[in-house]
Every structure is written in structure tokens, then in C-alpha cells.
């Protein structure tokens, strides 16, 4: 019987390998989700530099899903201001569902291409 931790670790490694293949010189939009907040950052792995970052601690909007959407919009606007239009979406071990999906949809609507 496998525990939830083993399943999430396998999911994280499987997703990370796909992100590395897809990256090909594009920065990556990395997500971290805690029980209360969600954070997003645009990372250029070729130089090892964070280009833009935003978290839901700074946003006081409705529920957690609405905060995630606000973070997605804000990080997309900051990335576009930094000259980044195309990214690779790195959701880590988190399923593409709920707050992660809301953040990704808002980032796409704000102009990021992934």
C-alpha cells in the first residue's frame, strides 16, 4: 500500500521531467501552494534568476480560488513587464485543478503563453 507522500513525489518527478523537456530556453512559471496561500514565480533556469514573483499574501480578495486568480494575473503582468511572453508551466506535485487551474487560466488571460 502506498502512502500519499509517495504518490505526490512520483507525480512531482514525472511532471518535472516533462517540464525540462519542454523548457528549451523558455522561462518556467513555478507554483507553490500551501494550505492558506499560493505563490507563483517566473524563473529563468539558464541564468538561475527569478524574473517575476507574486504571492497571495499581498492580495486580499474573496476566497482562495479568487486569490489564486489574482496572483496569476499579477505574475503575468510582471512577467510581461520584464519582457517574457512564453513560459513553461511547472505545477510541481499539484494537480491541475482548483486553485492551480485558476492561477493558470488567469495568467493565460493576462497574456502569458503556455
Protein backbone atom coordinates (compact mmCIF):
# COMPACT_ATOMS: atom_id res chain seq x y z
CA UNK A 1 0.00 0.00 0.00
CA UNK A 2 1.46 3.37 -0.98
CA UNK A 3 1.13 6.49 1.08
CA UNK A 4 0.04 9.85 -0.29
CA UNK A 5 3.57 11.17 0.03
CA UNK A 6 4.98 8.56 -2.37
CA UNK A 7 2.24 9.31 -4.89
CA UNK A 8 2.86 13.06 -4.80
CA UNK A 9 6.62 12.54 -5.10
CA UNK A 10 6.17 10.35 -8.17
CA UNK A 11 3.78 12.92 -9.67
CA UNK A 12 6.27 15.72 -8.99
CA UNK A 13 9.16 13.86 -10.62
CA UNK A 14 7.05 12.86 -13.63
CA UNK A 15 5.89 16.43 -14.16
CA UNK A 16 9.37 17.90 -13.62
CA UNK A 17 10.85 15.64 -16.33
CA UNK A 18 8.22 16.86 -18.80
CA UNK A 19 8.94 20.48 -17.88
CA UNK A 20 12.67 20.02 -18.54
CA UNK A 21 11.96 18.60 -22.00
CA UNK A 22 9.51 21.37 -22.86
CA UNK A 23 11.58 24.23 -21.48
CA UNK A 24 14.06 24.57 -24.38
CA UNK A 25 15.22 28.04 -23.39
CA UNK A 26 11.88 29.33 -22.10
CA UNK A 27 11.48 30.55 -18.51
CA UNK A 28 9.25 28.49 -16.25
CA UNK A 29 6.21 29.55 -14.26
CA UNK A 30 6.65 27.68 -10.98
CA UNK A 31 3.79 27.26 -8.50
CA UNK A 32 3.91 26.66 -4.75
CA UNK A 33 0.66 26.06 -2.92
CA UNK A 34 0.27 25.93 0.85
CA UNK A 35 -2.92 25.34 2.78
CA UNK A 36 -3.57 29.10 3.07
CA UNK A 37 -1.65 30.80 0.25
CA UNK A 38 -0.41 30.28 -3.30
CA UNK A 39 2.79 31.65 -4.81
CA UNK A 40 3.99 31.91 -8.41
CA UNK A 41 7.33 32.89 -9.85
CA UNK A 42 8.88 33.14 -13.30
CA UNK A 43 12.35 31.55 -13.25
CA UNK A 44 14.99 31.69 -15.99
CA UNK A 45 16.90 28.45 -15.41
CA UNK A 46 19.65 29.25 -17.93
CA UNK A 47 20.99 32.06 -15.73
CA UNK A 48 19.39 30.93 -12.46
CA UNK A 49 17.44 34.13 -11.88
CA UNK A 50 13.89 34.86 -10.77
CA UNK A 51 12.35 37.35 -13.21
CA UNK A 52 8.99 37.93 -11.52
CA UNK A 53 7.23 36.67 -8.41
CA UNK A 54 3.95 37.18 -6.61
CA UNK A 55 2.04 35.60 -3.74
CA UNK A 56 -1.47 35.66 -2.38
CA UNK A 57 -0.35 37.12 0.95
CA UNK A 58 -0.27 40.52 -0.74
CA UNK A 59 -3.73 40.03 -2.27
CA UNK A 60 -6.83 40.26 -0.10
CA UNK A 61 -9.53 39.05 -2.50
CA UNK A 62 -12.52 36.84 -1.60
CA UNK A 63 -11.76 33.16 -1.23
CA UNK A 64 -8.59 31.18 -2.01
CA UNK A 65 -9.54 30.49 -5.63
CA UNK A 66 -10.12 34.18 -6.33
CA UNK A 67 -6.79 34.99 -4.68
CA UNK A 68 -5.07 32.42 -6.90
CA UNK A 69 -6.59 34.04 -9.99
CA UNK A 70 -5.36 37.46 -8.80
CA UNK A 71 -1.86 36.03 -8.31
CA UNK A 72 -1.93 34.56 -11.83
CA UNK A 73 -2.92 37.89 -13.33
CA UNK A 74 -0.33 39.82 -11.30
CA UNK A 75 2.57 37.46 -12.09
CA UNK A 76 1.65 37.53 -15.79
CA UNK A 77 1.65 41.33 -15.82
CA UNK A 78 5.01 41.40 -14.03
CA UNK A 79 6.44 38.87 -16.49
CA UNK A 80 5.25 40.83 -19.50
CA UNK A 81 6.79 43.98 -17.99
CA UNK A 82 10.07 42.01 -17.70
CA UNK A 83 9.83 41.05 -21.39
CA UNK A 84 8.63 37.45 -21.01
CA UNK A 85 5.66 36.26 -23.10
CA UNK A 86 6.21 32.48 -23.34
CA UNK A 87 6.77 30.24 -20.33
CA UNK A 88 6.62 26.58 -19.37
CA UNK A 89 4.04 25.83 -16.67
CA UNK A 90 5.60 23.94 -13.74
CA UNK A 91 2.82 22.89 -11.38
CA UNK A 92 5.13 20.65 -9.36
CA UNK A 93 3.29 17.97 -7.43
CA UNK A 94 -0.05 19.80 -7.50
CA UNK A 95 -2.89 18.56 -9.65
CA UNK A 96 -4.17 20.86 -12.38
CA UNK A 97 -7.38 21.55 -10.53
CA UNK A 98 -8.89 24.20 -8.25
CA UNK A 99 -6.51 26.97 -7.27
CA UNK A 100 -3.72 25.83 -9.61
CA UNK A 101 -6.11 25.85 -12.57
CA UNK A 102 -7.49 29.27 -11.58
CA UNK A 103 -3.96 30.70 -11.44
CA UNK A 104 -3.04 29.22 -14.82
CA UNK A 105 -6.23 30.44 -16.51
CA UNK A 106 -5.78 33.96 -15.16
CA UNK A 107 -2.15 34.05 -16.31
CA UNK A 108 -3.21 32.98 -19.81
CA UNK A 109 -5.93 35.62 -19.93
CA UNK A 110 -3.42 38.27 -18.83
CA UNK A 111 -1.18 37.46 -21.80
CA UNK A 112 1.23 34.65 -20.91
CA UNK A 113 1.56 31.87 -23.48
CA UNK A 114 1.93 28.27 -22.23
